[in-house]
Amino acid sequence: MQTDLDSYLEQYNTKRPHQGQMMEGQTPNSMFKKGLKLIPKEVRDYVA
């Protein structure tokens, strides 16, 4: 069951396009990484 969940989450976050407005078909993972760049480095190191 865990293997199935891991596989699903990998596909969900890195392969399928984000469905939000103005996301231009980017994946949730790529949007998350772009958002991290907006956070100050000392906070970003703690979050990521």
Protein backbone atom coordinates (compact mmCIF):
# COMPACT_ATOMS: atom_id res chain seq x y z
CA MET A 1 0.00 0.00 0.00
CA GLN A 2 2.83 2.44 0.84
CA THR A 3 4.46 1.78 -2.54
CA ASP A 4 1.20 2.63 -4.29
CA LEU A 5 0.84 5.84 -2.27
CA ASP A 6 4.44 6.87 -2.97
CA SER A 7 3.94 6.24 -6.68
CA TYR A 8 0.71 8.27 -6.70
CA LEU A 9 2.28 11.21 -4.86
CA GLU A 10 5.28 11.22 -7.20
CA GLN A 11 2.97 11.40 -10.23
CA TYR A 12 0.64 13.93 -8.58
CA ASN A 13 3.39 16.37 -7.59
CA THR A 14 5.93 16.02 -10.40
CA LYS A 15 4.18 14.85 -13.56
CA ARG A 16 0.63 16.23 -13.76
CA PRO A 17 0.06 19.93 -14.48
CA HIS A 18 -1.15 22.17 -11.68
CA GLN A 19 -4.86 22.95 -12.07
CA GLY A 20 -4.84 26.42 -10.48
CA GLN A 21 -5.43 29.56 -12.49
CA MET A 22 -2.39 31.19 -14.08
CA MET A 23 -0.15 28.19 -13.31
CA GLU A 24 0.57 27.68 -17.02
CA GLY A 25 0.61 23.88 -16.80
CA GLN A 26 3.49 23.72 -14.34
CA THR A 27 3.63 20.92 -11.77
CA PRO A 28 2.89 21.50 -8.07
CA ASN A 29 6.51 20.62 -7.27
CA SER A 30 7.90 23.24 -9.67
CA MET A 31 5.55 25.87 -8.24
CA PHE A 32 6.65 24.97 -4.70
CA LYS A 33 10.31 25.35 -5.66
CA LYS A 34 9.63 28.75 -7.24
CA GLY A 35 7.82 29.84 -4.09
CA LEU A 36 10.79 28.84 -1.93
CA LYS A 37 12.93 31.38 -3.77
CA LEU A 38 10.66 34.14 -2.44
CA ILE A 39 11.28 33.18 1.19
CA PRO A 40 14.32 34.57 3.07
CA LYS A 41 17.22 32.08 3.07
CA GLU A 42 17.24 31.44 6.82
CA VAL A 43 13.55 30.48 6.73
CA ARG A 44 13.90 28.56 3.46
CA ASP A 45 16.64 26.32 4.90
CA TYR A 46 14.33 25.44 7.77
CA VAL A 47 11.32 24.69 5.49
CA ALA A 48 13.10 22.75 2.74
